[in-house]
Amino acid sequence: AIRHNMAKDLYKIHIPVALIWGKNDKVTPPEV
């Protein structure tokens, strides 16, 4: 999972995406 970083590919995803995030997430923090 760490090796397979998605940052360069996300622009290709054009379908609707909902991000529902815990404000206090310490594993994938808010900045993620």
PDB file of all heavy atoms in Angstrom:
ATOM      1  N   ALA A   1       0.833  -1.211   0.000  1.00  0.00           N
ATOM      2  CA  ALA A   1       0.000   0.000   0.000  1.00  0.00           C
ATOM      3  C   ALA A   1       0.867   1.261   0.000  1.00  0.00           C
ATOM      4  O   ALA A   1       0.574   2.225  -0.710  1.00  0.00           O
ATOM      5  CB  ALA A   1      -0.946  -0.009   1.197  1.00  0.00           C
ATOM      6  N   ILE A   2       1.930   1.243   0.783  1.00  0.00           N
ATOM      7  CA  ILE A   2       2.829   2.403   0.852  1.00  0.00           C
ATOM      8  C   ILE A   2       3.511   2.626  -0.505  1.00  0.00           C
ATOM      9  O   ILE A   2       3.629   3.755  -0.988  1.00  0.00           O
ATOM     10  CB  ILE A   2       3.874   2.213   1.972  1.00  0.00           C
ATOM     11  CG1 ILE A   2       3.181   2.293   3.340  1.00  0.00           C
ATOM     12  CG2 ILE A   2       4.988   3.261   1.869  1.00  0.00           C
ATOM     13  CD1 ILE A   2       4.015   1.772   4.492  1.00  0.00           C
ATOM     14  N   ARG A   3       3.941   1.523  -1.137  1.00  0.00           N
ATOM     15  CA  ARG A   3       4.608   1.628  -2.446  1.00  0.00           C
ATOM     16  C   ARG A   3       3.652   2.157  -3.525  1.00  0.00           C
ATOM     17  O   ARG A   3       4.059   2.873  -4.419  1.00  0.00           O
ATOM     18  CB  ARG A   3       5.128   0.245  -2.891  1.00  0.00           C
ATOM     19  CG  ARG A   3       6.424  -0.184  -2.239  1.00  0.00           C
ATOM     20  CD  ARG A   3       7.063  -1.332  -3.007  1.00  0.00           C
ATOM     21  NE  ARG A   3       6.144  -2.458  -3.221  1.00  0.00           N
ATOM     22  CZ  ARG A   3       5.979  -3.462  -2.368  1.00  0.00           C
ATOM     23  NH1 ARG A   3       6.648  -3.495  -1.236  1.00  0.00           N
ATOM     24  NH2 ARG A   3       5.150  -4.451  -2.648  1.00  0.00           N
ATOM     25  N   HIS A   4       2.387   1.749  -3.416  1.00  0.00           N
ATOM     26  CA  HIS A   4       1.426   2.066  -4.489  1.00  0.00           C
ATOM     27  C   HIS A   4       0.720   3.389  -4.183  1.00  0.00           C
ATOM     28  O   HIS A   4      -0.469   3.424  -3.888  1.00  0.00           O
ATOM     29  CB  HIS A   4       0.424   0.920  -4.625  1.00  0.00           C
ATOM     30  CG  HIS A   4      -0.245   0.891  -5.965  1.00  0.00           C
ATOM     31  ND1 HIS A   4       0.118   0.025  -6.956  1.00  0.00           N
ATOM     32  CD2 HIS A   4      -1.247   1.647  -6.479  1.00  0.00           C
ATOM     33  CE1 HIS A   4      -0.639   0.237  -8.018  1.00  0.00           C
ATOM     34  NE2 HIS A   4      -1.479   1.216  -7.753  1.00  0.00           N
ATOM     35  N   ASN A   5       1.469   4.482  -4.257  1.00  0.00           N
ATOM     36  CA  ASN A   5       0.896   5.806  -3.991  1.00  0.00           C
ATOM     37  C   ASN A   5       0.073   6.258  -5.200  1.00  0.00           C
ATOM     38  O   ASN A   5       0.494   6.140  -6.349  1.00  0.00           O
ATOM     39  CB  ASN A   5       2.021   6.803  -3.703  1.00  0.00           C
ATOM     40  CG  ASN A   5       1.493   8.131  -3.227  1.00  0.00           C
ATOM     41  OD1 ASN A   5       0.982   8.922  -4.005  1.00  0.00           O
ATOM     42  ND2 ASN A   5       1.614   8.382  -1.939  1.00  0.00           N
ATOM     43  N   MET A   6      -1.113   6.788  -4.923  1.00  0.00           N
ATOM     44  CA  MET A   6      -2.083   7.080  -5.982  1.00  0.00           C
ATOM     45  C   MET A   6      -2.058   8.532  -6.479  1.00  0.00           C
ATOM     46  O   MET A   6      -2.806   8.891  -7.386  1.00  0.00           O
ATOM     47  CB  MET A   6      -3.510   6.796  -5.460  1.00  0.00           C
ATOM     48  CG  MET A   6      -3.730   5.414  -4.910  1.00  0.00           C
ATOM     49  SD  MET A   6      -3.603   4.144  -6.179  1.00  0.00           S
ATOM     50  CE  MET A   6      -5.011   4.542  -7.202  1.00  0.00           C
ATOM     51  N   ALA A   7      -1.223   9.370  -5.886  1.00  0.00           N
ATOM     52  CA  ALA A   7      -1.295  10.820  -6.135  1.00  0.00           C
ATOM     53  C   ALA A   7      -1.282  11.189  -7.623  1.00  0.00           C
ATOM     54  O   ALA A   7      -2.030  12.063  -8.060  1.00  0.00           O
ATOM     55  CB  ALA A   7      -0.149  11.524  -5.411  1.00  0.00           C
ATOM     56  N   LYS A   8      -0.450  10.503  -8.415  1.00  0.00           N
ATOM     57  CA  LYS A   8      -0.303  10.882  -9.828  1.00  0.00           C
ATOM     58  C   LYS A   8      -1.449  10.399 -10.706  1.00  0.00           C
ATOM     59  O   LYS A   8      -1.543  10.802 -11.873  1.00  0.00           O
ATOM     60  CB  LYS A   8       1.023  10.339 -10.370  1.00  0.00           C
ATOM     61  CG  LYS A   8       2.248  11.022  -9.768  1.00  0.00           C
ATOM     62  CD  LYS A   8       3.528  10.426 -10.291  1.00  0.00           C
ATOM     63  CE  LYS A   8       4.738  11.077  -9.652  1.00  0.00           C
ATOM     64  NZ  LYS A   8       6.001  10.410 -10.053  1.00  0.00           N
ATOM     65  N   ASP A   9      -2.294   9.535 -10.188  1.00  0.00           N
ATOM     66  CA  ASP A   9      -3.354   8.937 -11.006  1.00  0.00           C
ATOM     67  C   ASP A   9      -4.755   9.457 -10.699  1.00  0.00           C
ATOM     68  O   ASP A   9      -5.693   9.193 -11.453  1.00  0.00           O
ATOM     69  CB  ASP A   9      -3.357   7.412 -10.823  1.00  0.00           C
ATOM     70  CG  ASP A   9      -2.091   6.764 -11.354  1.00  0.00           C
ATOM     71  OD1 ASP A   9      -1.701   7.096 -12.483  1.00  0.00           O
ATOM     72  OD2 ASP A   9      -1.489   5.938 -10.632  1.00  0.00           O
ATOM     73  N   LEU A  10      -4.913  10.161  -9.591  1.00  0.00           N
ATOM     74  CA  LEU A  10      -6.264  10.520  -9.146  1.00  0.00           C
ATOM     75  C   LEU A  10      -6.986  11.460 -10.114  1.00  0.00           C
ATOM     76  O   LEU A  10      -8.220  11.441 -10.188  1.00  0.00           O
ATOM     77  CB  LEU A  10      -6.214  11.136  -7.741  1.00  0.00           C
ATOM     78  CG  LEU A  10      -5.725  10.201  -6.622  1.00  0.00           C
ATOM     79  CD1 LEU A  10      -5.727  10.933  -5.287  1.00  0.00           C
ATOM     80  CD2 LEU A  10      -6.582   8.940  -6.527  1.00  0.00           C
ATOM     81  N   TYR A  11      -6.249  12.243 -10.884  1.00  0.00           N
ATOM     82  CA  TYR A  11      -6.887  13.177 -11.821  1.00  0.00           C
ATOM     83  C   TYR A  11      -7.707  12.443 -12.892  1.00  0.00           C
ATOM     84  O   TYR A  11      -8.587  13.024 -13.538  1.00  0.00           O
ATOM     85  CB  TYR A  11      -5.831  14.077 -12.483  1.00  0.00           C
ATOM     86  CG  TYR A  11      -5.010  13.392 -13.548  1.00  0.00           C
ATOM     87  CD1 TYR A  11      -5.388  13.457 -14.898  1.00  0.00           C
ATOM     88  CD2 TYR A  11      -3.865  12.660 -13.221  1.00  0.00           C
ATOM     89  CE1 TYR A  11      -4.648  12.823 -15.883  1.00  0.00           C
ATOM     90  CE2 TYR A  11      -3.122  12.017 -14.199  1.00  0.00           C
ATOM     91  CZ  TYR A  11      -3.515  12.096 -15.524  1.00  0.00           C
ATOM     92  OH  TYR A  11      -2.783  11.456 -16.498  1.00  0.00           O
ATOM     93  N   LYS A  12      -7.422  11.149 -13.079  1.00  0.00           N
ATOM     94  CA  LYS A  12      -8.123  10.366 -14.109  1.00  0.00           C
ATOM     95  C   LYS A  12      -9.508   9.904 -13.651  1.00  0.00           C
ATOM     96  O   LYS A  12     -10.288   9.400 -14.456  1.00  0.00           O
ATOM     97  CB  LYS A  12      -7.296   9.117 -14.469  1.00  0.00           C
ATOM     98  CG  LYS A  12      -5.906   9.409 -14.995  1.00  0.00           C
ATOM     99  CD  LYS A  12      -5.134   8.106 -15.132  1.00  0.00           C
ATOM    100  CE  LYS A  12      -3.651   8.332 -15.410  1.00  0.00           C
ATOM    101  NZ  LYS A  12      -2.878   7.083 -15.322  1.00  0.00           N
ATOM    102  N   ILE A  13      -9.804  10.047 -12.368  1.00  0.00           N
ATOM    103  CA  ILE A  13     -11.082   9.565 -11.832  1.00  0.00           C
ATOM    104  C   ILE A  13     -12.103  10.706 -11.887  1.00  0.00           C
ATOM    105  O   ILE A  13     -12.016  11.663 -11.120  1.00  0.00           O
ATOM    106  CB  ILE A  13     -10.909   9.045 -10.385  1.00  0.00           C
ATOM    107  CG1 ILE A  13      -9.959   7.848 -10.370  1.00  0.00           C
ATOM    108  CG2 ILE A  13     -12.260   8.681  -9.768  1.00  0.00           C
ATOM    109  CD1 ILE A  13      -9.625   7.322  -8.984  1.00  0.00           C
ATOM    110  N   HIS A  14     -13.056  10.586 -12.791  1.00  0.00           N
ATOM    111  CA  HIS A  14     -14.017  11.679 -13.017  1.00  0.00           C
ATOM    112  C   HIS A  14     -15.410  11.378 -12.478  1.00  0.00           C
ATOM    113  O   HIS A  14     -16.287  12.245 -12.529  1.00  0.00           O
ATOM    114  CB  HIS A  14     -14.085  12.014 -14.508  1.00  0.00           C
ATOM    115  CG  HIS A  14     -12.821  12.632 -15.026  1.00  0.00           C
ATOM    116  ND1 HIS A  14     -12.511  13.963 -14.844  1.00  0.00           N
ATOM    117  CD2 HIS A  14     -11.760  12.084 -15.677  1.00  0.00           C
ATOM    118  CE1 HIS A  14     -11.321  14.223 -15.378  1.00  0.00           C
ATOM    119  NE2 HIS A  14     -10.842  13.099 -15.888  1.00  0.00           N
ATOM    120  N   ILE A  15     -15.636  10.163 -11.964  1.00  0.00           N
ATOM    121  CA  ILE A  15     -16.941   9.855 -11.382  1.00  0.00           C
ATOM    122  C   ILE A  15     -17.102  10.629 -10.062  1.00  0.00           C
ATOM    123  O   ILE A  15     -16.110  11.073  -9.468  1.00  0.00           O
ATOM    124  CB  ILE A  15     -17.107   8.336 -11.124  1.00  0.00           C
ATOM    125  CG1 ILE A  15     -15.979   7.809 -10.206  1.00  0.00           C
ATOM    126  CG2 ILE A  15     -17.163   7.559 -12.423  1.00  0.00           C
ATOM    127  CD1 ILE A  15     -16.186   6.390  -9.731  1.00  0.00           C
ATOM    128  N   PRO A  16     -18.355  10.795  -9.580  1.00  0.00           N
ATOM    129  CA  PRO A  16     -18.542  11.467  -8.289  1.00  0.00           C
ATOM    130  C   PRO A  16     -17.884  10.685  -7.149  1.00  0.00           C
ATOM    131  O   PRO A  16     -18.003   9.459  -7.074  1.00  0.00           O
ATOM    132  CB  PRO A  16     -20.072  11.483  -8.124  1.00  0.00           C
ATOM    133  CG  PRO A  16     -20.623  11.265  -9.490  1.00  0.00           C
ATOM    134  CD  PRO A  16     -19.616  10.421 -10.221  1.00  0.00           C
ATOM    135  N   VAL A  17     -17.187  11.413  -6.278  1.00  0.00           N
ATOM    136  CA  VAL A  17     -16.523  10.803  -5.120  1.00  0.00           C
ATOM    137  C   VAL A  17     -16.926  11.564  -3.857  1.00  0.00           C
ATOM    138  O   VAL A  17     -16.834  12.792  -3.812  1.00  0.00           O
ATOM    139  CB  VAL A  17     -14.979  10.856  -5.248  1.00  0.00           C
ATOM    140  CG1 VAL A  17     -14.327  10.182  -4.038  1.00  0.00           C
ATOM    141  CG2 VAL A  17     -14.504  10.204  -6.545  1.00  0.00           C
ATOM    142  N   ALA A  18     -17.380  10.827  -2.849  1.00  0.00           N
ATOM    143  CA  ALA A  18     -17.643  11.426  -1.527  1.00  0.00           C
ATOM    144  C   ALA A  18     -16.534  11.001  -0.578  1.00  0.00           C
ATOM    145  O   ALA A  18     -16.235   9.809  -0.446  1.00  0.00           O
ATOM    146  CB  ALA A  18     -18.996  10.969  -0.991  1.00  0.00           C
ATOM    147  N   LEU A  19     -15.917  11.972   0.056  1.00  0.00           N
ATOM    148  CA  LEU A  19     -14.917  11.728   1.098  1.00  0.00           C
ATOM    149  C   LEU A  19     -15.604  12.017   2.430  1.00  0.00           C
ATOM    150  O   LEU A  19     -15.994  13.152   2.699  1.00  0.00           O
ATOM    151  CB  LEU A  19     -13.718  12.657   0.906  1.00  0.00           C
ATOM    152  CG  LEU A  19     -13.008  12.559  -0.455  1.00  0.00           C
ATOM    153  CD1 LEU A  19     -12.185  13.808  -0.724  1.00  0.00           C
ATOM    154  CD2 LEU A  19     -12.132  11.311  -0.505  1.00  0.00           C
ATOM    155  N   ILE A  20     -15.789  10.984   3.240  1.00  0.00           N
ATOM    156  CA  ILE A  20     -16.438  11.142   4.550  1.00  0.00           C
ATOM    157  C   ILE A  20     -15.387  10.799   5.593  1.00  0.00           C
ATOM    158  O   ILE A  20     -14.995   9.631   5.724  1.00  0.00           O
ATOM    159  CB  ILE A  20     -17.684  10.229   4.667  1.00  0.00           C
ATOM    160  CG1 ILE A  20     -18.644  10.471   3.491  1.00  0.00           C
ATOM    161  CG2 ILE A  20     -18.395  10.492   5.998  1.00  0.00           C
ATOM    162  CD1 ILE A  20     -19.860   9.552   3.477  1.00  0.00           C
ATOM    163  N   TRP A  21     -14.925  11.813   6.334  1.00  0.00           N
ATOM    164  CA  TRP A  21     -13.675  11.658   7.093  1.00  0.00           C
ATOM    165  C   TRP A  21     -13.842  12.041   8.560  1.00  0.00           C
ATOM    166  O   TRP A  21     -14.489  13.043   8.874  1.00  0.00           O
ATOM    167  CB  TRP A  21     -12.608  12.553   6.489  1.00  0.00           C
ATOM    168  CG  TRP A  21     -11.284  11.880   6.281  1.00  0.00           C
ATOM    169  CD1 TRP A  21     -10.218  11.885   7.143  1.00  0.00           C
ATOM    170  CD2 TRP A  21     -10.881  11.098   5.145  1.00  0.00           C
ATOM    171  NE1 TRP A  21      -9.177  11.174   6.611  1.00  0.00           N
ATOM    172  CE2 TRP A  21      -9.560  10.666   5.376  1.00  0.00           C
ATOM    173  CE3 TRP A  21     -11.513  10.716   3.963  1.00  0.00           C
ATOM    174  CZ2 TRP A  21      -8.851   9.885   4.466  1.00  0.00           C
ATOM    175  CZ3 TRP A  21     -10.823   9.942   3.058  1.00  0.00           C
ATOM    176  CH2 TRP A  21      -9.504   9.540   3.313  1.00  0.00           C
ATOM    177  N   GLY A  22     -13.203  11.274   9.417  1.00  0.00           N
ATOM    178  CA  GLY A  22     -13.140  11.621  10.828  1.00  0.00           C
ATOM    179  C   GLY A  22     -12.184  12.784  11.049  1.00  0.00           C
ATOM    180  O   GLY A  22     -11.020  12.720  10.617  1.00  0.00           O
ATOM    181  N   LYS A  23     -12.666  13.844  11.709  1.00  0.00           N
ATOM    182  CA  LYS A  23     -11.818  15.013  11.985  1.00  0.00           C
ATOM    183  C   LYS A  23     -10.622  14.652  12.862  1.00  0.00           C
ATOM    184  O   LYS A  23      -9.618  15.352  12.883  1.00  0.00           O
ATOM    185  CB  LYS A  23     -12.657  16.081  12.706  1.00  0.00           C
ATOM    186  CG  LYS A  23     -13.131  17.223  11.813  1.00  0.00           C
ATOM    187  CD  LYS A  23     -12.019  18.241  11.608  1.00  0.00           C
ATOM    188  CE  LYS A  23     -12.374  19.351  10.642  1.00  0.00           C
ATOM    189  NZ  LYS A  23     -13.311  20.308  11.172  1.00  0.00           N
ATOM    190  N   ASN A  24     -10.746  13.541  13.607  1.00  0.00           N
ATOM    191  CA  ASN A  24      -9.702  13.140  14.563  1.00  0.00           C
ATOM    192  C   ASN A  24      -8.995  11.857  14.131  1.00  0.00           C
ATOM    193  O   ASN A  24      -8.447  11.137  14.959  1.00  0.00           O
ATOM    194  CB  ASN A  24     -10.325  12.970  15.952  1.00  0.00           C
ATOM    195  CG  ASN A  24     -11.190  14.157  16.335  1.00  0.00           C
ATOM    196  OD1 ASN A  24     -12.396  14.147  16.105  1.00  0.00           O
ATOM    197  ND2 ASN A  24     -10.591  15.197  16.882  1.00  0.00           N
ATOM    198  N   ASP A  25      -9.029  11.587  12.834  1.00  0.00           N
ATOM    199  CA  ASP A  25      -8.356  10.398  12.292  1.00  0.00           C
ATOM    200  C   ASP A  25      -6.844  10.580  12.443  1.00  0.00           C
ATOM    201  O   ASP A  25      -6.268  11.523  11.913  1.00  0.00           O
ATOM    202  CB  ASP A  25      -8.749  10.239  10.821  1.00  0.00           C
ATOM    203  CG  ASP A  25      -8.250   8.946  10.188  1.00  0.00           C
ATOM    204  OD1 ASP A  25      -7.322   8.326  10.737  1.00  0.00           O
ATOM    205  OD2 ASP A  25      -8.800   8.565   9.141  1.00  0.00           O
ATOM    206  N   LYS A  26      -6.214   9.656  13.179  1.00  0.00           N
ATOM    207  CA  LYS A  26      -4.758   9.736  13.380  1.00  0.00           C
ATOM    208  C   LYS A  26      -4.013   8.804  12.424  1.00  0.00           C
ATOM    209  O   LYS A  26      -2.790   8.870  12.325  1.00  0.00           O
ATOM    210  CB  LYS A  26      -4.402   9.402  14.833  1.00  0.00           C
ATOM    211  CG  LYS A  26      -5.002  10.378  15.840  1.00  0.00           C
ATOM    212  CD  LYS A  26      -4.475  10.152  17.251  1.00  0.00           C
ATOM    213  CE  LYS A  26      -5.021   8.916  17.933  1.00  0.00           C
ATOM    214  NZ  LYS A  26      -6.383   9.113  18.503  1.00  0.00           N
ATOM    215  N   VAL A  27      -4.743   7.912  11.756  1.00  0.00           N
ATOM    216  CA  VAL A  27      -4.116   6.963  10.825  1.00  0.00           C
ATOM    217  C   VAL A  27      -3.985   7.592   9.435  1.00  0.00           C
ATOM    218  O   VAL A  27      -2.914   7.578   8.828  1.00  0.00           O
ATOM    219  CB  VAL A  27      -4.922   5.647  10.757  1.00  0.00           C
ATOM    220  CG1 VAL A  27      -4.267   4.662   9.784  1.00  0.00           C
ATOM    221  CG2 VAL A  27      -5.032   5.018  12.153  1.00  0.00           C
ATOM    222  N   THR A  28      -5.095   8.120   8.925  1.00  0.00           N
ATOM    223  CA  THR A  28      -5.061   8.924   7.688  1.00  0.00           C
ATOM    224  C   THR A  28      -5.605  10.303   8.069  1.00  0.00           C
ATOM    225  O   THR A  28      -6.796  10.557   7.959  1.00  0.00           O
ATOM    226  CB  THR A  28      -5.915   8.272   6.571  1.00  0.00           C
ATOM    227  OG1 THR A  28      -7.188   7.887   7.114  1.00  0.00           O
ATOM    228  CG2 THR A  28      -5.235   7.056   5.995  1.00  0.00           C
ATOM    229  N   PRO A  29      -4.744  11.187   8.556  1.00  0.00           N
ATOM    230  CA  PRO A  29      -5.168  12.454   9.163  1.00  0.00           C
ATOM    231  C   PRO A  29      -5.932  13.360   8.191  1.00  0.00           C
ATOM    232  O   PRO A  29      -5.935  13.126   6.980  1.00  0.00           O
ATOM    233  CB  PRO A  29      -3.848  13.093   9.594  1.00  0.00           C
ATOM    234  CG  PRO A  29      -2.825  12.012   9.571  1.00  0.00           C
ATOM    235  CD  PRO A  29      -3.274  11.023   8.555  1.00  0.00           C
ATOM    236  N   PRO A  30      -6.573  14.422   8.720  1.00  0.00           N
ATOM    237  CA  PRO A  30      -7.380  15.322   7.897  1.00  0.00           C
ATOM    238  C   PRO A  30      -6.672  15.844   6.650  1.00  0.00           C
ATOM    239  O   PRO A  30      -7.304  16.016   5.607  1.00  0.00           O
ATOM    240  CB  PRO A  30      -7.730  16.453   8.862  1.00  0.00           C
ATOM    241  CG  PRO A  30      -7.795  15.785  10.196  1.00  0.00           C
ATOM    242  CD  PRO A  30      -6.699  14.754  10.164  1.00  0.00           C
ATOM    243  N   GLU A  31      -5.354  16.085   6.745  1.00  0.00           N
ATOM    244  CA  GLU A  31      -4.660  16.598   5.557  1.00  0.00           C
ATOM    245  C   GLU A  31      -4.674  15.594   4.402  1.00  0.00           C
ATOM    246  O   GLU A  31      -4.577  15.971   3.228  1.00  0.00           O
ATOM    247  CB  GLU A  31      -3.224  17.022   5.879  1.00  0.00           C
ATOM    248  CG  GLU A  31      -2.349  15.971   6.502  1.00  0.00           C
ATOM    249  CD  GLU A  31      -2.337  16.032   8.027  1.00  0.00           C
ATOM    250  OE1 GLU A  31      -3.341  16.470   8.633  1.00  0.00           O
ATOM    251  OE2 GLU A  31      -1.312  15.616   8.606  1.00  0.00           O
ATOM    252  N   VAL A  32      -4.813  14.308   4.722  1.00  0.00           N
ATOM    253  CA  VAL A  32      -4.938  13.287   3.669  1.00  0.00           C
ATOM    254  C   VAL A  32      -6.263  13.485   2.928  1.00  0.00           C
ATOM    255  O   VAL A  32      -6.311  13.449   1.686  1.00  0.00           O
ATOM    256  CB  VAL A  32      -4.855  11.866   4.273  1.00  0.00           C
ATOM    257  CG1 VAL A  32      -5.116  10.805   3.207  1.00  0.00           C
ATOM    258  CG2 VAL A  32      -3.485  11.635   4.913  1.00  0.00           C
TER     259      VAL A  32
END
